[in-house]
Amino acid sequence: MSKNKILTACILTCFFMMTSPVKAESYFIDKISQGAANIAFGFIEVPKNIINITNDQNILVGLTWGLIRGIIQGVSRTLVGGVEVITSPIPTNEFASPAYVWDRFSEDSRYFGLHYPGYWTNYGPLDDGE
């Protein structure tokens, strides 16, 4: 090998070792795994909302309003999961809070950082809930 090729290989190796691709890769892996989990387990929003509203009110309200709200939030979480998978190479803020449906199970889900008004809405202290 010529000296120029060896020098070029050494310079490129040093350059790539100085950058931090590990953080970018872990971000990509985190975001794509959150998106895949939200697509696969978005239906868990239905029992989550039934349980939470039943605990706040009573079983009748939980089975009616909790079911309706769970279906809406389940579809929302599934769609947000699809958006997370599609945009996984792009660094963005979290789309869903909590990131996984099973995190902080007793708190209501938020999407795109918005607080949805409602009588039976519980946001935790980590979400700056109102």
N, C-alpha and C. Protein backbone atom coordinates (compact mmCIF):
# COMPACT_ATOMS: atom_id res chain seq x y z
N MET A 1 0.84 -1.19 0.00
CA MET A 1 0.00 0.00 0.00
C MET A 1 0.87 1.24 0.00
N SER A 2 0.36 2.24 -0.62
CA SER A 2 1.12 3.47 -0.66
C SER A 2 0.92 4.26 0.63
N LYS A 3 1.81 5.21 0.87
CA LYS A 3 1.74 6.03 2.08
C LYS A 3 0.47 6.87 2.11
N ASN A 4 0.04 7.35 0.97
CA ASN A 4 -1.17 8.20 0.92
C ASN A 4 -2.42 7.43 1.34
N LYS A 5 -2.52 6.17 0.91
CA LYS A 5 -3.69 5.38 1.28
C LYS A 5 -3.69 5.07 2.78
N ILE A 6 -2.53 4.78 3.33
CA ILE A 6 -2.44 4.51 4.76
C ILE A 6 -2.75 5.76 5.56
N LEU A 7 -2.20 6.89 5.13
CA LEU A 7 -2.46 8.16 5.82
C LEU A 7 -3.95 8.52 5.74
N THR A 8 -4.53 8.34 4.58
CA THR A 8 -5.96 8.63 4.42
C THR A 8 -6.81 7.71 5.32
N ALA A 9 -6.47 6.45 5.37
CA ALA A 9 -7.19 5.51 6.22
C ALA A 9 -7.07 5.88 7.69
N CYS A 10 -5.89 6.31 8.12
CA CYS A 10 -5.68 6.72 9.52
C CYS A 10 -6.48 7.98 9.84
N ILE A 11 -6.47 8.94 8.94
CA ILE A 11 -7.20 10.19 9.17
C ILE A 11 -8.71 9.93 9.24
N LEU A 12 -9.23 9.10 8.31
CA LEU A 12 -10.65 8.78 8.33
C LEU A 12 -11.03 8.00 9.59
N THR A 13 -10.17 7.08 10.00
CA THR A 13 -10.45 6.33 11.22
C THR A 13 -10.51 7.24 12.43
N CYS A 14 -9.56 8.15 12.54
CA CYS A 14 -9.57 9.10 13.66
C CYS A 14 -10.79 10.00 13.61
N PHE A 15 -11.17 10.44 12.42
CA PHE A 15 -12.33 11.31 12.29
C PHE A 15 -13.60 10.61 12.74
N PHE A 16 -13.78 9.37 12.28
CA PHE A 16 -15.01 8.64 12.65
C PHE A 16 -15.01 8.23 14.11
N MET A 17 -13.86 8.07 14.71
CA MET A 17 -13.80 7.73 16.13
C MET A 17 -14.11 8.94 17.00
N MET A 18 -13.87 10.14 16.51
CA MET A 18 -14.13 11.35 17.29
C MET A 18 -15.61 11.71 17.30
N THR A 19 -16.35 11.35 16.27
CA THR A 19 -17.78 11.65 16.25
C THR A 19 -18.52 10.72 17.18
N SER A 20 -19.76 11.04 17.48
CA SER A 20 -20.52 10.25 18.43
C SER A 20 -21.74 9.60 17.76
N PRO A 21 -21.52 8.56 16.97
CA PRO A 21 -22.67 7.90 16.35
C PRO A 21 -23.46 7.04 17.32
N VAL A 22 -22.90 6.74 18.48
CA VAL A 22 -23.58 5.89 19.45
C VAL A 22 -24.86 6.56 19.93
N LYS A 23 -24.78 7.86 20.19
CA LYS A 23 -25.97 8.57 20.66
C LYS A 23 -27.05 8.59 19.59
N ALA A 24 -26.66 8.81 18.35
CA ALA A 24 -27.64 8.83 17.27
C ALA A 24 -28.26 7.45 17.09
N GLU A 25 -27.44 6.40 17.17
CA GLU A 25 -27.98 5.06 17.01
C GLU A 25 -28.93 4.71 18.16
N SER A 26 -28.57 5.08 19.38
CA SER A 26 -29.45 4.75 20.50
C SER A 26 -30.76 5.54 20.40
N TYR A 27 -30.70 6.77 19.92
CA TYR A 27 -31.92 7.55 19.73
C TYR A 27 -32.81 6.87 18.70
N PHE A 28 -32.21 6.45 17.61
CA PHE A 28 -32.97 5.77 16.56
C PHE A 28 -33.59 4.48 17.08
N ILE A 29 -32.81 3.70 17.81
CA ILE A 29 -33.31 2.44 18.37
C ILE A 29 -34.44 2.70 19.36
N ASP A 30 -34.26 3.71 20.24
CA ASP A 30 -35.31 4.03 21.22
C ASP A 30 -36.60 4.44 20.53
N LYS A 31 -36.48 5.31 19.54
CA LYS A 31 -37.68 5.82 18.89
C LYS A 31 -38.39 4.75 18.07
N ILE A 32 -37.63 3.92 17.40
CA ILE A 32 -38.28 2.88 16.60
C ILE A 32 -38.89 1.80 17.50
N SER A 33 -38.25 1.53 18.64
CA SER A 33 -38.83 0.53 19.56
C SER A 33 -40.09 1.09 20.23
N GLN A 34 -40.10 2.38 20.57
CA GLN A 34 -41.31 2.98 21.12
C GLN A 34 -42.44 2.96 20.10
N GLY A 35 -42.11 3.28 18.86
CA GLY A 35 -43.13 3.26 17.82
C GLY A 35 -43.70 1.87 17.58
N ALA A 36 -42.81 0.87 17.53
CA ALA A 36 -43.28 -0.50 17.31
C ALA A 36 -44.11 -0.98 18.50
N ALA A 37 -43.69 -0.64 19.71
CA ALA A 37 -44.47 -1.04 20.89
C ALA A 37 -45.83 -0.35 20.91
N ASN A 38 -45.88 0.92 20.52
CA ASN A 38 -47.15 1.63 20.50
C ASN A 38 -48.09 1.08 19.42
N ILE A 39 -47.53 0.65 18.30
CA ILE A 39 -48.36 0.03 17.27
C ILE A 39 -48.90 -1.31 17.78
N ALA A 40 -48.02 -2.11 18.38
CA ALA A 40 -48.41 -3.46 18.80
C ALA A 40 -49.33 -3.46 20.02
N PHE A 41 -49.10 -2.52 20.94
CA PHE A 41 -49.83 -2.57 22.21
C PHE A 41 -50.74 -1.36 22.44
N GLY A 42 -51.12 -0.66 21.40
CA GLY A 42 -52.02 0.48 21.54
C GLY A 42 -53.38 0.09 22.10
N PHE A 43 -53.78 -1.16 21.86
CA PHE A 43 -55.08 -1.63 22.35
C PHE A 43 -55.14 -1.68 23.87
N ILE A 44 -54.01 -1.65 24.56
CA ILE A 44 -54.01 -1.69 26.03
C ILE A 44 -54.60 -0.40 26.61
N GLU A 45 -54.74 0.64 25.80
CA GLU A 45 -55.39 1.87 26.26
C GLU A 45 -56.84 1.61 26.67
N VAL A 46 -57.49 0.62 26.07
CA VAL A 46 -58.90 0.34 26.40
C VAL A 46 -59.04 -0.11 27.86
N PRO A 47 -58.37 -1.19 28.28
CA PRO A 47 -58.51 -1.56 29.70
C PRO A 47 -57.90 -0.53 30.65
N LYS A 48 -56.85 0.16 30.19
CA LYS A 48 -56.23 1.19 31.03
C LYS A 48 -57.25 2.28 31.37
N ASN A 49 -57.97 2.77 30.38
CA ASN A 49 -58.96 3.82 30.62
C ASN A 49 -60.15 3.31 31.41
N ILE A 50 -60.58 2.08 31.16
CA ILE A 50 -61.69 1.52 31.93
C ILE A 50 -61.30 1.42 33.40
N ILE A 51 -60.10 0.92 33.66
CA ILE A 51 -59.63 0.77 35.05
C ILE A 51 -59.49 2.13 35.72
N ASN A 52 -58.85 3.08 35.06
CA ASN A 52 -58.61 4.39 35.68
C ASN A 52 -59.90 5.15 35.95
N ILE A 53 -60.83 5.13 35.01
CA ILE A 53 -62.08 5.86 35.22
C ILE A 53 -62.96 5.14 36.24
N THR A 54 -62.90 3.81 36.27
CA THR A 54 -63.63 3.06 37.30
C THR A 54 -63.09 3.40 38.68
N ASN A 55 -61.78 3.49 38.82
CA ASN A 55 -61.18 3.85 40.11
C ASN A 55 -61.54 5.27 40.53
N ASP A 56 -61.68 6.18 39.57
CA ASP A 56 -62.03 7.57 39.90
C ASP A 56 -63.52 7.73 40.19
N GLN A 57 -64.36 7.01 39.47
CA GLN A 57 -65.82 7.20 39.59
C GLN A 57 -66.49 5.92 40.08
N ASN A 58 -67.04 5.17 39.12
CA ASN A 58 -67.69 3.90 39.45
C ASN A 58 -67.62 2.99 38.23
N ILE A 59 -68.09 1.77 38.40
CA ILE A 59 -67.97 0.76 37.35
C ILE A 59 -68.81 1.10 36.12
N LEU A 60 -69.97 1.72 36.31
CA LEU A 60 -70.82 2.07 35.17
C LEU A 60 -70.17 3.12 34.28
N VAL A 61 -69.63 4.16 34.90
CA VAL A 61 -68.94 5.20 34.13
C VAL A 61 -67.69 4.61 33.49
N GLY A 62 -66.99 3.74 34.20
CA GLY A 62 -65.79 3.12 33.66
C GLY A 62 -66.07 2.27 32.44
N LEU A 63 -67.17 1.52 32.48
CA LEU A 63 -67.50 0.64 31.36
C LEU A 63 -68.06 1.39 30.16
N THR A 64 -68.60 2.57 30.36
CA THR A 64 -69.14 3.33 29.23
C THR A 64 -68.11 4.36 28.72
N TRP A 65 -67.87 5.37 29.52
CA TRP A 65 -66.96 6.43 29.11
C TRP A 65 -65.53 5.91 29.00
N GLY A 66 -65.12 5.00 29.88
CA GLY A 66 -63.78 4.43 29.81
C GLY A 66 -63.56 3.63 28.54
N LEU A 67 -64.61 2.90 28.11
CA LEU A 67 -64.51 2.14 26.88
C LEU A 67 -64.38 3.07 25.67
N ILE A 68 -65.22 4.09 25.61
CA ILE A 68 -65.17 5.04 24.50
C ILE A 68 -63.82 5.74 24.45
N ARG A 69 -63.41 6.25 25.59
CA ARG A 69 -62.14 6.97 25.66
C ARG A 69 -60.96 6.04 25.38
N GLY A 70 -61.03 4.80 25.84
CA GLY A 70 -59.97 3.84 25.58
C GLY A 70 -59.82 3.51 24.10
N ILE A 71 -60.94 3.37 23.41
CA ILE A 71 -60.88 3.10 21.97
C ILE A 71 -60.25 4.28 21.24
N ILE A 72 -60.66 5.49 21.60
CA ILE A 72 -60.10 6.69 20.95
C ILE A 72 -58.61 6.79 21.23
N GLN A 73 -58.21 6.59 22.49
CA GLN A 73 -56.79 6.71 22.81
C GLN A 73 -55.99 5.53 22.26
N GLY A 74 -56.59 4.36 22.14
CA GLY A 74 -55.91 3.23 21.53
C GLY A 74 -55.59 3.47 20.06
N VAL A 75 -56.58 4.00 19.34
CA VAL A 75 -56.35 4.34 17.93
C VAL A 75 -55.31 5.44 17.83
N SER A 76 -55.40 6.44 18.72
CA SER A 76 -54.42 7.53 18.71
C SER A 76 -53.02 7.01 18.96
N ARG A 77 -52.86 6.14 19.95
CA ARG A 77 -51.53 5.61 20.28
C ARG A 77 -50.98 4.77 19.12
N THR A 78 -51.84 4.00 18.47
CA THR A 78 -51.40 3.20 17.34
C THR A 78 -50.93 4.08 16.19
N LEU A 79 -51.69 5.14 15.89
CA LEU A 79 -51.30 6.06 14.82
C LEU A 79 -50.02 6.81 15.17
N VAL A 80 -49.90 7.24 16.42
CA VAL A 80 -48.68 7.93 16.86
C VAL A 80 -47.49 6.97 16.77
N GLY A 81 -47.69 5.70 17.07
CA GLY A 81 -46.63 4.72 16.92
C GLY A 81 -46.17 4.60 15.48
N GLY A 82 -47.11 4.65 14.56
CA GLY A 82 -46.74 4.63 13.14
C GLY A 82 -45.93 5.85 12.74
N VAL A 83 -46.33 7.01 13.25
CA VAL A 83 -45.58 8.24 12.97
C VAL A 83 -44.18 8.15 13.57
N GLU A 84 -44.05 7.57 14.76
CA GLU A 84 -42.73 7.41 15.38
C GLU A 84 -41.83 6.49 14.56
N VAL A 85 -42.39 5.42 14.03
CA VAL A 85 -41.58 4.52 13.21
C VAL A 85 -41.14 5.22 11.93
N ILE A 86 -42.05 5.95 11.30
CA ILE A 86 -41.72 6.64 10.05
C ILE A 86 -40.67 7.71 10.28
N THR A 87 -40.79 8.46 11.37
CA THR A 87 -39.87 9.58 11.62
C THR A 87 -38.71 9.18 12.53
N SER A 88 -38.47 7.90 12.70
CA SER A 88 -37.41 7.47 13.62
C SER A 88 -36.01 7.98 13.25
N PRO A 89 -35.66 8.18 11.99
CA PRO A 89 -34.33 8.73 11.71
C PRO A 89 -34.20 10.22 12.03
N ILE A 90 -35.32 10.89 12.25
CA ILE A 90 -35.30 12.33 12.48
C ILE A 90 -35.41 12.61 13.97
N PRO A 91 -34.47 13.38 14.54
CA PRO A 91 -34.58 13.71 15.97
C PRO A 91 -35.75 14.66 16.24
N THR A 92 -36.68 14.23 17.08
CA THR A 92 -37.84 15.06 17.44
C THR A 92 -38.13 14.86 18.92
N ASN A 93 -39.07 15.63 19.43
CA ASN A 93 -39.53 15.43 20.80
C ASN A 93 -40.39 14.18 20.87
N GLU A 94 -40.70 13.76 22.10
CA GLU A 94 -41.58 12.61 22.26
C GLU A 94 -42.96 12.94 21.72
N PHE A 95 -43.56 11.97 21.05
CA PHE A 95 -44.91 12.16 20.53
C PHE A 95 -45.96 11.76 21.55
N ALA A 96 -45.68 10.72 22.31
CA ALA A 96 -46.64 10.22 23.30
C ALA A 96 -46.02 10.29 24.69
N SER A 97 -46.82 10.68 25.65
CA SER A 97 -46.35 10.71 27.03
C SER A 97 -47.40 10.03 27.89
N PRO A 98 -47.09 9.01 28.60
CA PRO A 98 -45.83 8.29 28.71
C PRO A 98 -45.49 7.57 27.41
N ALA A 99 -44.20 7.30 27.22
CA ALA A 99 -43.72 6.76 25.95
C ALA A 99 -44.33 5.39 25.64
N TYR A 100 -44.48 4.56 26.66
CA TYR A 100 -45.10 3.25 26.49
C TYR A 100 -46.41 3.24 27.26
N VAL A 101 -47.36 2.47 26.79
CA VAL A 101 -48.69 2.45 27.41
C VAL A 101 -48.63 1.91 28.84
N TRP A 102 -47.69 1.05 29.14
CA TRP A 102 -47.61 0.46 30.48
C TRP A 102 -46.83 1.32 31.46
N ASP A 103 -46.15 2.38 31.01
CA ASP A 103 -45.47 3.30 31.92
C ASP A 103 -46.50 4.19 32.60
N ARG A 104 -46.37 4.36 33.91
CA ARG A 104 -47.27 5.21 34.68
C ARG A 104 -48.73 4.91 34.30
N PHE A 105 -49.13 3.69 34.56
CA PHE A 105 -50.42 3.16 34.09
C PHE A 105 -51.60 3.94 34.62
N SER A 106 -51.48 4.56 35.78
CA SER A 106 -52.63 5.26 36.36
C SER A 106 -52.79 6.67 35.81
N GLU A 107 -51.92 7.11 34.92
CA GLU A 107 -52.02 8.44 34.33
C GLU A 107 -52.55 8.35 32.91
N ASP A 108 -53.26 9.40 32.50
CA ASP A 108 -53.79 9.44 31.14
C ASP A 108 -52.68 9.75 30.14
N SER A 109 -52.87 9.29 28.94
CA SER A 109 -51.89 9.50 27.88
C SER A 109 -52.08 10.87 27.25
N ARG A 110 -50.96 11.45 26.84
CA ARG A 110 -50.98 12.71 26.11
C ARG A 110 -50.24 12.49 24.81
N TYR A 111 -50.65 13.19 23.78
CA TYR A 111 -50.02 13.07 22.48
C TYR A 111 -49.58 14.44 22.00
N PHE A 112 -48.35 14.51 21.52
CA PHE A 112 -47.74 15.73 21.02
C PHE A 112 -47.69 16.83 22.07
N GLY A 113 -47.64 16.46 23.34
CA GLY A 113 -47.49 17.41 24.43
C GLY A 113 -48.74 18.20 24.76
N LEU A 114 -49.88 17.80 24.24
CA LEU A 114 -51.12 18.55 24.47
C LEU A 114 -51.87 17.99 25.66
N HIS A 115 -52.47 18.89 26.44
CA HIS A 115 -53.35 18.49 27.54
C HIS A 115 -54.77 18.47 26.99
N TYR A 116 -55.39 17.32 27.02
CA TYR A 116 -56.77 17.23 26.56
C TYR A 116 -57.69 17.47 27.73
N PRO A 117 -58.62 18.40 27.59
CA PRO A 117 -59.52 18.68 28.71
C PRO A 117 -60.50 17.52 28.91
N GLY A 118 -60.91 17.37 30.11
CA GLY A 118 -61.88 16.32 30.40
C GLY A 118 -62.08 16.21 31.89
N TYR A 119 -63.24 15.73 32.25
CA TYR A 119 -63.56 15.61 33.66
C TYR A 119 -62.71 14.54 34.32
N TRP A 120 -62.48 13.44 33.64
CA TRP A 120 -61.71 12.34 34.21
C TRP A 120 -60.32 12.31 33.59
N THR A 121 -59.57 13.36 33.76
CA THR A 121 -58.22 13.44 33.20
C THR A 121 -57.23 13.58 34.33
N ASN A 122 -56.28 12.66 34.39
CA ASN A 122 -55.24 12.68 35.42
C ASN A 122 -53.87 12.68 34.75
N TYR A 123 -53.15 13.79 34.88
CA TYR A 123 -51.79 13.87 34.39
C TYR A 123 -50.87 13.89 35.59
N GLY A 124 -49.78 13.19 35.48
CA GLY A 124 -48.85 13.09 36.58
C GLY A 124 -47.92 14.29 36.66
N PRO A 125 -47.15 14.36 37.73
CA PRO A 125 -46.24 15.48 37.93
C PRO A 125 -45.11 15.51 36.90
N LEU A 126 -44.79 14.37 36.30
CA LEU A 126 -43.74 14.34 35.30
C LEU A 126 -44.20 14.92 33.98
N ASP A 127 -45.48 15.08 33.80
CA ASP A 127 -46.03 15.59 32.55
C ASP A 127 -46.43 17.06 32.63
N ASP A 128 -46.19 17.72 33.74
CA ASP A 128 -46.66 19.10 33.95
C ASP A 128 -48.17 19.18 33.75
N GLY A 129 -48.87 18.23 34.29
CA GLY A 129 -50.32 18.18 34.13
C GLY A 129 -51.00 19.31 34.87
N GLU A 130 -52.14 19.67 34.36
CA GLU A 130 -52.91 20.77 34.97
C GLU A 130 -53.82 20.24 36.04
